[in-house]
Amino acid sequence: MGGYKQIKDEDEYNMVLEENEYVFVIYSATWCGPCRSFKTMLNEEYSSYPHPIVVVDVDELEELAIGISGLPTMVGFHNKDEFVRTEGFDRPKLKKIFDNLVEDSCST
């Protein structure tokens, strides 16, 4: 499957947020080079990540991209509330966010 799941529609998006305590949403586009790099990182390093990582193609699902001004944008949700947002592909910063959440959730 890889390190992420591509969201097909708004119902699937809402279901993922509803059913999971933590979710990372990557807002992306097929034409975006940094977005492709982000997806490669997810496939290589996060194929067994314990929290869902989903990708929303902003060209296909414009209605889910409200408030997104740059690509890629990653938004982390905890119980459907946003707790982190980052724009661009900064590998060390993204790894820190992903890895810290695993450490925090394993220590509680």
PDB file of N, CA and C in Angstrom:
ATOM      1  N   MET A   1       0.823  -1.205   0.000  1.00  0.00           N
ATOM      2  CA  MET A   1       0.000   0.000   0.000  1.00  0.00           C
ATOM      3  C   MET A   1       0.861   1.259   0.000  1.00  0.00           C
ATOM      4  N   GLY A   2       1.989   1.259   0.648  1.00  0.00           N
ATOM      5  CA  GLY A   2       2.800   2.458   0.731  1.00  0.00           C
ATOM      6  C   GLY A   2       2.537   3.196   2.025  1.00  0.00           C
ATOM      7  N   GLY A   3       3.127   4.378   2.122  1.00  0.00           N
ATOM      8  CA  GLY A   3       3.028   5.140   3.353  1.00  0.00           C
ATOM      9  C   GLY A   3       1.841   6.077   3.421  1.00  0.00           C
ATOM     10  N   TYR A   4       0.988   6.040   2.412  1.00  0.00           N
ATOM     11  CA  TYR A   4      -0.169   6.921   2.421  1.00  0.00           C
ATOM     12  C   TYR A   4      -1.294   6.292   1.616  1.00  0.00           C
ATOM     13  N   LYS A   5      -2.480   6.878   1.788  1.00  0.00           N
ATOM     14  CA  LYS A   5      -3.642   6.448   1.013  1.00  0.00           C
ATOM     15  C   LYS A   5      -4.195   7.670   0.281  1.00  0.00           C
ATOM     16  N   GLN A   6      -4.470   7.515  -1.000  1.00  0.00           N
ATOM     17  CA  GLN A   6      -5.056   8.591  -1.798  1.00  0.00           C
ATOM     18  C   GLN A   6      -6.559   8.665  -1.507  1.00  0.00           C
ATOM     19  N   ILE A   7      -7.043   9.838  -1.135  1.00  0.00           N
ATOM     20  CA  ILE A   7      -8.465  10.045  -0.852  1.00  0.00           C
ATOM     21  C   ILE A   7      -9.207  10.207  -2.176  1.00  0.00           C
ATOM     22  N   LYS A   8     -10.323   9.494  -2.298  1.00  0.00           N
ATOM     23  CA  LYS A   8     -11.082   9.503  -3.554  1.00  0.00           C
ATOM     24  C   LYS A   8     -12.233  10.503  -3.559  1.00  0.00           C
ATOM     25  N   ASP A   9     -12.813  10.782  -2.377  1.00  0.00           N
ATOM     26  CA  ASP A   9     -13.945  11.713  -2.323  1.00  0.00           C
ATOM     27  C   ASP A   9     -14.115  12.252  -0.907  1.00  0.00           C
ATOM     28  N   GLU A  10     -15.024  13.196  -0.772  1.00  0.00           N
ATOM     29  CA  GLU A  10     -15.242  13.865   0.509  1.00  0.00           C
ATOM     30  C   GLU A  10     -15.760  12.901   1.581  1.00  0.00           C
ATOM     31  N   ASP A  11     -16.588  11.935   1.201  1.00  0.00           N
ATOM     32  CA  ASP A  11     -17.088  10.959   2.170  1.00  0.00           C
ATOM     33  C   ASP A  11     -15.942  10.146   2.774  1.00  0.00           C
ATOM     34  N   GLU A  12     -15.016   9.706   1.942  1.00  0.00           N
ATOM     35  CA  GLU A  12     -13.866   8.935   2.435  1.00  0.00           C
ATOM     36  C   GLU A  12     -13.007   9.794   3.361  1.00  0.00           C
ATOM     37  N   TYR A  13     -12.789  11.041   2.996  1.00  0.00           N
ATOM     38  CA  TYR A  13     -12.030  11.988   3.814  1.00  0.00           C
ATOM     39  C   TYR A  13     -12.661  12.122   5.198  1.00  0.00           C
ATOM     40  N   ASN A  14     -13.970  12.367   5.226  1.00  0.00           N
ATOM     41  CA  ASN A  14     -14.674  12.530   6.503  1.00  0.00           C
ATOM     42  C   ASN A  14     -14.630  11.256   7.337  1.00  0.00           C
ATOM     43  N   MET A  15     -14.733  10.104   6.696  1.00  0.00           N
ATOM     44  CA  MET A  15     -14.697   8.836   7.407  1.00  0.00           C
ATOM     45  C   MET A  15     -13.335   8.616   8.071  1.00  0.00           C
ATOM     46  N   VAL A  16     -12.256   8.925   7.358  1.00  0.00           N
ATOM     47  CA  VAL A  16     -10.914   8.760   7.924  1.00  0.00           C
ATOM     48  C   VAL A  16     -10.755   9.657   9.155  1.00  0.00           C
ATOM     49  N   LEU A  17     -11.201  10.898   9.055  1.00  0.00           N
ATOM     50  CA  LEU A  17     -11.090  11.807  10.196  1.00  0.00           C
ATOM     51  C   LEU A  17     -11.954  11.350  11.370  1.00  0.00           C
ATOM     52  N   GLU A  18     -13.130  10.824  11.069  1.00  0.00           N
ATOM     53  CA  GLU A  18     -14.066  10.390  12.104  1.00  0.00           C
ATOM     54  C   GLU A  18     -13.562   9.150  12.844  1.00  0.00           C
ATOM     55  N   GLU A  19     -12.934   8.236  12.136  1.00  0.00           N
ATOM     56  CA  GLU A  19     -12.590   6.927  12.698  1.00  0.00           C
ATOM     57  C   GLU A  19     -11.211   6.850  13.346  1.00  0.00           C
ATOM     58  N   ASN A  20     -10.413   7.917  13.276  1.00  0.00           N
ATOM     59  CA  ASN A  20      -9.042   7.850  13.782  1.00  0.00           C
ATOM     60  C   ASN A  20      -8.739   9.013  14.718  1.00  0.00           C
ATOM     61  N   GLU A  21      -8.003   8.713  15.771  1.00  0.00           N
ATOM     62  CA  GLU A  21      -7.615   9.756  16.722  1.00  0.00           C
ATOM     63  C   GLU A  21      -6.655  10.754  16.075  1.00  0.00           C
ATOM     64  N   TYR A  22      -5.634  10.237  15.384  1.00  0.00           N
ATOM     65  CA  TYR A  22      -4.660  11.073  14.692  1.00  0.00           C
ATOM     66  C   TYR A  22      -4.710  10.778  13.203  1.00  0.00           C
ATOM     67  N   VAL A  23      -4.672  11.826  12.393  1.00  0.00           N
ATOM     68  CA  VAL A  23      -4.637  11.697  10.935  1.00  0.00           C
ATOM     69  C   VAL A  23      -3.764  12.822  10.393  1.00  0.00           C
ATOM     70  N   PHE A  24      -2.913  12.473   9.430  1.00  0.00           N
ATOM     71  CA  PHE A  24      -2.164  13.482   8.698  1.00  0.00           C
ATOM     72  C   PHE A  24      -2.735  13.555   7.294  1.00  0.00           C
ATOM     73  N   VAL A  25      -3.058  14.763   6.844  1.00  0.00           N
ATOM     74  CA  VAL A  25      -3.578  14.976   5.498  1.00  0.00           C
ATOM     75  C   VAL A  25      -2.545  15.782   4.721  1.00  0.00           C
ATOM     76  N   ILE A  26      -2.151  15.230   3.582  1.00  0.00           N
ATOM     77  CA  ILE A  26      -1.214  15.900   2.695  1.00  0.00           C
ATOM     78  C   ILE A  26      -2.012  16.442   1.520  1.00  0.00           C
ATOM     79  N   TYR A  27      -2.006  17.756   1.351  1.00  0.00           N
ATOM     80  CA  TYR A  27      -2.666  18.396   0.212  1.00  0.00           C
ATOM     81  C   TYR A  27      -1.615  18.522  -0.883  1.00  0.00           C
ATOM     82  N   SER A  28      -1.921  17.963  -2.044  1.00  0.00           N
ATOM     83  CA  SER A  28      -0.924  17.738  -3.069  1.00  0.00           C
ATOM     84  C   SER A  28      -1.536  17.929  -4.458  1.00  0.00           C
ATOM     85  N   ALA A  29      -0.680  17.876  -5.476  1.00  0.00           N
ATOM     86  CA  ALA A  29      -1.132  17.888  -6.874  1.00  0.00           C
ATOM     87  C   ALA A  29      -0.129  17.079  -7.691  1.00  0.00           C
ATOM     88  N   THR A  30      -0.617  16.473  -8.756  1.00  0.00           N
ATOM     89  CA  THR A  30       0.254  15.608  -9.563  1.00  0.00           C
ATOM     90  C   THR A  30       1.375  16.391 -10.238  1.00  0.00           C
ATOM     91  N   TRP A  31       1.164  17.661 -10.540  1.00  0.00           N
ATOM     92  CA  TRP A  31       2.150  18.477 -11.231  1.00  0.00           C
ATOM     93  C   TRP A  31       3.211  19.054 -10.291  1.00  0.00           C
ATOM     94  N   CYS A  32       3.060  18.873  -8.996  1.00  0.00           N
ATOM     95  CA  CYS A  32       3.913  19.492  -7.971  1.00  0.00           C
ATOM     96  C   CYS A  32       5.113  18.596  -7.646  1.00  0.00           C
ATOM     97  N   GLY A  33       6.314  19.038  -8.004  1.00  0.00           N
ATOM     98  CA  GLY A  33       7.533  18.269  -7.737  1.00  0.00           C
ATOM     99  C   GLY A  33       7.773  17.991  -6.262  1.00  0.00           C
ATOM    100  N   PRO A  34       7.701  19.012  -5.379  1.00  0.00           N
ATOM    101  CA  PRO A  34       7.887  18.747  -3.951  1.00  0.00           C
ATOM    102  C   PRO A  34       6.834  17.775  -3.391  1.00  0.00           C
ATOM    103  N   CYS A  35       5.634  17.787  -3.962  1.00  0.00           N
ATOM    104  CA  CYS A  35       4.587  16.849  -3.536  1.00  0.00           C
ATOM    105  C   CYS A  35       5.006  15.414  -3.848  1.00  0.00           C
ATOM    106  N   ARG A  36       5.587  15.205  -5.020  1.00  0.00           N
ATOM    107  CA  ARG A  36       6.069  13.869  -5.394  1.00  0.00           C
ATOM    108  C   ARG A  36       7.189  13.424  -4.464  1.00  0.00           C
ATOM    109  N   SER A  37       8.070  14.352  -4.085  1.00  0.00           N
ATOM    110  CA  SER A  37       9.149  14.024  -3.145  1.00  0.00           C
ATOM    111  C   SER A  37       8.574  13.621  -1.790  1.00  0.00           C
ATOM    112  N   PHE A  38       7.544  14.319  -1.358  1.00  0.00           N
ATOM    113  CA  PHE A  38       6.888  14.014  -0.088  1.00  0.00           C
ATOM    114  C   PHE A  38       6.305  12.599  -0.133  1.00  0.00           C
ATOM    115  N   LYS A  39       5.610  12.269  -1.221  1.00  0.00           N
ATOM    116  CA  LYS A  39       5.015  10.936  -1.355  1.00  0.00           C
ATOM    117  C   LYS A  39       6.092   9.857  -1.381  1.00  0.00           C
ATOM    118  N   THR A  40       7.206  10.135  -2.033  1.00  0.00           N
ATOM    119  CA  THR A  40       8.318   9.175  -2.052  1.00  0.00           C
ATOM    120  C   THR A  40       8.828   8.940  -0.638  1.00  0.00           C
ATOM    121  N   MET A  41       9.000  10.018   0.139  1.00  0.00           N
ATOM    122  CA  MET A  41       9.442   9.876   1.528  1.00  0.00           C
ATOM    123  C   MET A  41       8.460   9.014   2.320  1.00  0.00           C
ATOM    124  N   LEU A  42       7.173   9.251   2.137  1.00  0.00           N
ATOM    125  CA  LEU A  42       6.160   8.488   2.873  1.00  0.00           C
ATOM    126  C   LEU A  42       6.247   7.009   2.516  1.00  0.00           C
ATOM    127  N   ASN A  43       6.398   6.696   1.241  1.00  0.00           N
ATOM    128  CA  ASN A  43       6.500   5.292   0.809  1.00  0.00           C
ATOM    129  C   ASN A  43       7.772   4.628   1.330  1.00  0.00           C
ATOM    130  N   GLU A  44       8.872   5.357   1.346  1.00  0.00           N
ATOM    131  CA  GLU A  44      10.149   4.780   1.752  1.00  0.00           C
ATOM    132  C   GLU A  44      10.285   4.652   3.264  1.00  0.00           C
ATOM    133  N   GLU A  45       9.775   5.615   4.003  1.00  0.00           N
ATOM    134  CA  GLU A  45      10.066   5.677   5.431  1.00  0.00           C
ATOM    135  C   GLU A  45       8.861   5.465   6.348  1.00  0.00           C
ATOM    136  N   TYR A  46       7.652   5.533   5.805  1.00  0.00           N
ATOM    137  CA  TYR A  46       6.476   5.476   6.672  1.00  0.00           C
ATOM    138  C   TYR A  46       5.444   4.460   6.196  1.00  0.00           C
ATOM    139  N   SER A  47       5.915   3.383   5.583  1.00  0.00           N
ATOM    140  CA  SER A  47       4.984   2.384   5.061  1.00  0.00           C
ATOM    141  C   SER A  47       4.233   1.653   6.162  1.00  0.00           C
ATOM    142  N   SER A  48       4.761   1.650   7.376  1.00  0.00           N
ATOM    143  CA  SER A  48       4.059   0.998   8.490  1.00  0.00           C
ATOM    144  C   SER A  48       3.787   1.990   9.620  1.00  0.00           C
ATOM    145  N   TYR A  49       3.600   3.243   9.288  1.00  0.00           N
ATOM    146  CA  TYR A  49       3.323   4.281  10.278  1.00  0.00           C
ATOM    147  C   TYR A  49       2.009   3.963  10.987  1.00  0.00           C
ATOM    148  N   PRO A  50       1.945   4.134  12.309  1.00  0.00           N
ATOM    149  CA  PRO A  50       0.753   3.709  13.056  1.00  0.00           C
ATOM    150  C   PRO A  50      -0.470   4.617  12.913  1.00  0.00           C
ATOM    151  N   HIS A  51      -0.286   5.812  12.372  1.00  0.00           N
ATOM    152  CA  HIS A  51      -1.407   6.739  12.206  1.00  0.00           C
ATOM    153  C   HIS A  51      -1.661   6.939  10.715  1.00  0.00           C
ATOM    154  N   PRO A  52      -2.919   7.105  10.315  1.00  0.00           N
ATOM    155  CA  PRO A  52      -3.220   7.271   8.891  1.00  0.00           C
ATOM    156  C   PRO A  52      -2.590   8.530   8.296  1.00  0.00           C
ATOM    157  N   ILE A  53      -2.037   8.361   7.113  1.00  0.00           N
ATOM    158  CA  ILE A  53      -1.544   9.475   6.309  1.00  0.00           C
ATOM    159  C   ILE A  53      -2.306   9.395   4.995  1.00  0.00           C
ATOM    160  N   VAL A  54      -3.044  10.451   4.685  1.00  0.00           N
ATOM    161  CA  VAL A  54      -3.851  10.448   3.468  1.00  0.00           C
ATOM    162  C   VAL A  54      -3.468  11.630   2.591  1.00  0.00           C
ATOM    163  N   VAL A  55      -3.638  11.442   1.295  1.00  0.00           N
ATOM    164  CA  VAL A  55      -3.304  12.490   0.330  1.00  0.00           C
ATOM    165  C   VAL A  55      -4.572  12.951  -0.374  1.00  0.00           C
ATOM    166  N   VAL A  56      -4.736  14.264  -0.430  1.00  0.00           N
ATOM    167  CA  VAL A  56      -5.843  14.893  -1.141  1.00  0.00           C
ATOM    168  C   VAL A  56      -5.258  15.625  -2.342  1.00  0.00           C
ATOM    169  N   ASP A  57      -5.673  15.235  -3.533  1.00  0.00           N
ATOM    170  CA  ASP A  57      -5.267  15.942  -4.746  1.00  0.00           C
ATOM    171  C   ASP A  57      -6.152  17.178  -4.861  1.00  0.00           C
ATOM    172  N   VAL A  58      -5.542  18.349  -4.744  1.00  0.00           N
ATOM    173  CA  VAL A  58      -6.312  19.593  -4.698  1.00  0.00           C
ATOM    174  C   VAL A  58      -6.986  19.922  -6.027  1.00  0.00           C
ATOM    175  N   ASP A  59      -6.495  19.355  -7.124  1.00  0.00           N
ATOM    176  CA  ASP A  59      -7.137  19.586  -8.411  1.00  0.00           C
ATOM    177  C   ASP A  59      -8.388  18.724  -8.566  1.00  0.00           C
ATOM    178  N   GLU A  60      -8.360  17.529  -8.008  1.00  0.00           N
ATOM    179  CA  GLU A  60      -9.506  16.621  -8.099  1.00  0.00           C
ATOM    180  C   GLU A  60     -10.562  16.895  -7.029  1.00  0.00           C
ATOM    181  N   LEU A  61     -10.120  17.346  -5.853  1.00  0.00           N
ATOM    182  CA  LEU A  61     -11.035  17.555  -4.719  1.00  0.00           C
ATOM    183  C   LEU A  61     -10.876  18.974  -4.173  1.00  0.00           C
ATOM    184  N   GLU A  62     -11.165  19.938  -5.029  1.00  0.00           N
ATOM    185  CA  GLU A  62     -11.014  21.350  -4.662  1.00  0.00           C
ATOM    186  C   GLU A  62     -11.768  21.711  -3.393  1.00  0.00           C
ATOM    187  N   GLU A  63     -12.931  21.077  -3.189  1.00  0.00           N
ATOM    188  CA  GLU A  63     -13.759  21.404  -2.025  1.00  0.00           C
ATOM    189  C   GLU A  63     -13.083  21.060  -0.707  1.00  0.00           C
ATOM    190  N   LEU A  64     -12.071  20.196  -0.729  1.00  0.00           N
ATOM    191  CA  LEU A  64     -11.353  19.834   0.490  1.00  0.00           C
ATOM    192  C   LEU A  64     -10.102  20.685   0.699  1.00  0.00           C
ATOM    193  N   ALA A  65      -9.785  21.535  -0.255  1.00  0.00           N
ATOM    194  CA  ALA A  65      -8.550  22.315  -0.205  1.00  0.00           C
ATOM    195  C   ALA A  65      -8.774  23.766   0.230  1.00  0.00           C
ATOM    196  N   ILE A  66      -9.892  24.050   0.835  1.00  0.00           N
ATOM    197  CA  ILE A  66     -10.181  25.411   1.287  1.00  0.00           C
ATOM    198  C   ILE A  66      -9.159  25.799   2.363  1.00  0.00           C
ATOM    199  N   GLY A  67      -8.539  26.940   2.180  1.00  0.00           N
ATOM    200  CA  GLY A  67      -7.541  27.417   3.133  1.00  0.00           C
ATOM    201  C   GLY A  67      -6.130  26.934   2.839  1.00  0.00           C
ATOM    202  N   ILE A  68      -5.957  26.160   1.790  1.00  0.00           N
ATOM    203  CA  ILE A  68      -4.630  25.683   1.407  1.00  0.00           C
ATOM    204  C   ILE A  68      -4.065  26.669   0.390  1.00  0.00           C
ATOM    205  N   SER A  69      -2.902  27.259   0.714  1.00  0.00           N
ATOM    206  CA  SER A  69      -2.359  28.286  -0.173  1.00  0.00           C
ATOM    207  C   SER A  69      -1.056  27.870  -0.847  1.00  0.00           C
ATOM    208  N   GLY A  70      -0.410  26.810  -0.369  1.00  0.00           N
ATOM    209  CA  GLY A  70       0.830  26.341  -0.972  1.00  0.00           C
ATOM    210  C   GLY A  70       0.868  24.825  -0.966  1.00  0.00           C
ATOM    211  N   LEU A  71       1.680  24.286  -1.862  1.00  0.00           N
ATOM    212  CA  LEU A  71       1.774  22.828  -1.952  1.00  0.00           C
ATOM    213  C   LEU A  71       3.222  22.388  -1.812  1.00  0.00           C
ATOM    214  N   PRO A  72       3.446  21.247  -1.207  1.00  0.00           N
ATOM    215  CA  PRO A  72       2.464  20.484  -0.446  1.00  0.00           C
ATOM    216  C   PRO A  72       2.189  21.151   0.902  1.00  0.00           C
ATOM    217  N   THR A  73       1.005  20.933   1.409  1.00  0.00           N
ATOM    218  CA  THR A  73       0.659  21.348   2.768  1.00  0.00           C
ATOM    219  C   THR A  73       0.267  20.099   3.526  1.00  0.00           C
ATOM    220  N   MET A  74       0.827  19.951   4.729  1.00  0.00           N
ATOM    221  CA  MET A  74       0.452  18.843   5.586  1.00  0.00           C
ATOM    222  C   MET A  74      -0.285  19.402   6.797  1.00  0.00           C
ATOM    223  N   VAL A  75      -1.434  18.800   7.092  1.00  0.00           N
ATOM    224  CA  VAL A  75      -2.198  19.192   8.271  1.00  0.00           C
ATOM    225  C   VAL A  75      -2.383  17.951   9.130  1.00  0.00           C
ATOM    226  N   GLY A  76      -2.010  18.072  10.394  1.00  0.00           N
ATOM    227  CA  GLY A  76      -2.210  16.987  11.344  1.00  0.00           C
ATOM    228  C   GLY A  76      -3.455  17.258  12.167  1.00  0.00           C
ATOM    229  N   PHE A  77      -4.286  16.235  12.314  1.00  0.00           N
ATOM    230  CA  PHE A  77      -5.518  16.343  13.100  1.00  0.00           C
ATOM    231  C   PHE A  77      -5.464  15.388  14.286  1.00  0.00           C
ATOM    232  N   HIS A  78      -5.947  15.861  15.410  1.00  0.00           N
ATOM    233  CA  HIS A  78      -6.141  15.030  16.597  1.00  0.00           C
ATOM    234  C   HIS A  78      -7.609  15.166  16.972  1.00  0.00           C
ATOM    235  N   ASN A  79      -8.325  14.041  16.897  1.00  0.00           N
ATOM    236  CA  ASN A  79      -9.776  14.063  17.147  1.00  0.00           C
ATOM    237  C   ASN A  79     -10.463  15.148  16.324  1.00  0.00           C
ATOM    238  N   LYS A  80     -10.105  15.209  15.053  1.00  0.00           N
ATOM    239  CA  LYS A  80     -10.676  16.113  14.046  1.00  0.00           C
ATOM    240  C   LYS A  80     -10.286  17.574  14.224  1.00  0.00           C
ATOM    241  N   ASP A  81      -9.464  17.889  15.228  1.00  0.00           N
ATOM    242  CA  ASP A  81      -9.002  19.258  15.427  1.00  0.00           C
ATOM    243  C   ASP A  81      -7.565  19.389  14.916  1.00  0.00           C
ATOM    244  N   GLU A  82      -7.312  20.437  14.152  1.00  0.00           N
ATOM    245  CA  GLU A  82      -5.970  20.662  13.627  1.00  0.00           C
ATOM    246  C   GLU A  82      -4.999  20.940  14.771  1.00  0.00           C
ATOM    247  N   PHE A  83      -3.846  20.234  14.767  1.00  0.00           N
ATOM    248  CA  PHE A  83      -2.834  20.502  15.786  1.00  0.00           C
ATOM    249  C   PHE A  83      -1.483  20.884  15.185  1.00  0.00           C
ATOM    250  N   VAL A  84      -1.308  20.667  13.894  1.00  0.00           N
ATOM    251  CA  VAL A  84      -0.065  21.078  13.250  1.00  0.00           C
ATOM    252  C   VAL A  84      -0.336  21.313  11.767  1.00  0.00           C
ATOM    253  N   ARG A  85       0.389  22.285  11.192  1.00  0.00           N
ATOM    254  CA  ARG A  85       0.287  22.575   9.751  1.00  0.00           C
ATOM    255  C   ARG A  85       1.658  23.018   9.286  1.00  0.00           C
ATOM    256  N   THR A  86       2.059  22.498   8.145  1.00  0.00           N
ATOM    257  CA  THR A  86       3.331  22.893   7.562  1.00  0.00           C
ATOM    258  C   THR A  86       3.193  22.944   6.047  1.00  0.00           C
ATOM    259  N   GLU A  87       3.832  23.936   5.436  1.00  0.00           N
ATOM    260  CA  GLU A  87       3.817  24.068   3.979  1.00  0.00           C
ATOM    261  C   GLU A  87       5.202  23.777   3.438  1.00  0.00           C
ATOM    262  N   GLY A  88       5.238  23.188   2.249  1.00  0.00           N
ATOM    263  CA  GLY A  88       6.500  22.880   1.604  1.00  0.00           C
ATOM    264  C   GLY A  88       7.010  21.511   2.015  1.00  0.00           C
ATOM    265  N   PHE A  89       8.098  21.115   1.381  1.00  0.00           N
ATOM    266  CA  PHE A  89       8.697  19.817   1.673  1.00  0.00           C
ATOM    267  C   PHE A  89      10.021  20.036   2.383  1.00  0.00           C
ATOM    268  N   ASP A  90       9.987  19.998   3.709  1.00  0.00           N
ATOM    269  CA  ASP A  90      11.164  20.121   4.563  1.00  0.00           C
ATOM    270  C   ASP A  90      11.315  18.783   5.279  1.00  0.00           C
ATOM    271  N   ARG A  91      12.070  17.875   4.680  1.00  0.00           N
ATOM    272  CA  ARG A  91      12.173  16.493   5.161  1.00  0.00           C
ATOM    273  C   ARG A  91      12.505  16.402   6.663  1.00  0.00           C
ATOM    274  N   PRO A  92      13.547  17.090   7.167  1.00  0.00           N
ATOM    275  CA  PRO A  92      13.857  16.965   8.601  1.00  0.00           C
ATOM    276  C   PRO A  92      12.702  17.432   9.501  1.00  0.00           C
ATOM    277  N   LYS A  93      12.052  18.510   9.114  1.00  0.00           N
ATOM    278  CA  LYS A  93      10.928  19.019   9.908  1.00  0.00           C
ATOM    279  C   LYS A  93       9.767  18.021   9.913  1.00  0.00           C
ATOM    280  N   LEU A  94       9.454  17.464   8.747  1.00  0.00           N
ATOM    281  CA  LEU A  94       8.356  16.504   8.648  1.00  0.00           C
ATOM    282  C   LEU A  94       8.658  15.232   9.430  1.00  0.00           C
ATOM    283  N   LYS A  95       9.894  14.725   9.320  1.00  0.00           N
ATOM    284  CA  LYS A  95      10.276  13.534  10.078  1.00  0.00           C
ATOM    285  C   LYS A  95      10.123  13.779  11.574  1.00  0.00           C
ATOM    286  N   LYS A  96      10.508  14.958  12.023  1.00  0.00           N
ATOM    287  CA  LYS A  96      10.405  15.286  13.452  1.00  0.00           C
ATOM    288  C   LYS A  96       8.940  15.265  13.901  1.00  0.00           C
ATOM    289  N   ILE A  97       8.058  15.842  13.095  1.00  0.00           N
ATOM    290  CA  ILE A  97       6.628  15.856  13.440  1.00  0.00           C
ATOM    291  C   ILE A  97       6.092  14.434  13.515  1.00  0.00           C
ATOM    292  N   PHE A  98       6.340  13.630  12.483  1.00  0.00           N
ATOM    293  CA  PHE A  98       5.843  12.250  12.458  1.00  0.00           C
ATOM    294  C   PHE A  98       6.414  11.434  13.612  1.00  0.00           C
ATOM    295  N   ASP A  99       7.731  11.512  13.804  1.00  0.00           N
ATOM    296  CA  ASP A  99       8.392  10.678  14.798  1.00  0.00           C
ATOM    297  C   ASP A  99       8.034  11.098  16.221  1.00  0.00           C
ATOM    298  N   ASN A 100       7.901  12.398  16.469  1.00  0.00           N
ATOM    299  CA  ASN A 100       7.513  12.862  17.808  1.00  0.00           C
ATOM    300  C   ASN A 100       6.118  12.386  18.180  1.00  0.00           C
ATOM    301  N   LEU A 101       5.215  12.350  17.226  1.00  0.00           N
ATOM    302  CA  LEU A 101       3.862  11.881  17.533  1.00  0.00           C
ATOM    303  C   LEU A 101       3.875  10.409  17.928  1.00  0.00           C
ATOM    304  N   VAL A 102       4.695   9.612  17.261  1.00  0.00           N
ATOM    305  CA  VAL A 102       4.790   8.195  17.625  1.00  0.00           C
ATOM    306  C   VAL A 102       5.362   8.063  19.042  1.00  0.00           C
ATOM    307  N   GLU A 103       6.406   8.819  19.332  1.00  0.00           N
ATOM    308  CA  GLU A 103       6.988   8.776  20.683  1.00  0.00           C
ATOM    309  C   GLU A 103       5.964   9.190  21.729  1.00  0.00           C
ATOM    310  N   ASP A 104       5.245  10.287  21.479  1.00  0.00           N
ATOM    311  CA  ASP A 104       4.248  10.776  22.427  1.00  0.00           C
ATOM    312  C   ASP A 104       3.125   9.776  22.628  1.00  0.00           C
ATOM    313  N   SER A 105       2.642   9.180  21.554  1.00  0.00           N
ATOM    314  CA  SER A 105       1.506   8.262  21.683  1.00  0.00           C
ATOM    315  C   SER A 105       1.927   6.922  22.309  1.00  0.00           C
ATOM    316  N   CYS A 106       3.195   6.566  22.191  1.00  0.00           N
ATOM    317  CA  CYS A 106       3.676   5.324  22.819  1.00  0.00           C
ATOM    318  C   CYS A 106       3.962   5.517  24.304  1.00  0.00           C
ATOM    319  N   SER A 107       4.226   6.746  24.718  1.00  0.00           N
ATOM    320  CA  SER A 107       4.561   6.988  26.125  1.00  0.00           C
ATOM    321  C   SER A 107       3.335   7.224  26.995  1.00  0.00           C
ATOM    322  N   THR A 108       2.149   7.350  26.380  1.00  0.00           N
ATOM    323  CA  THR A 108       0.960   7.595  27.187  1.00  0.00           C
ATOM    324  C   THR A 108       0.194   6.321  27.424  1.00  0.00           C
TER     325      THR A 108
END
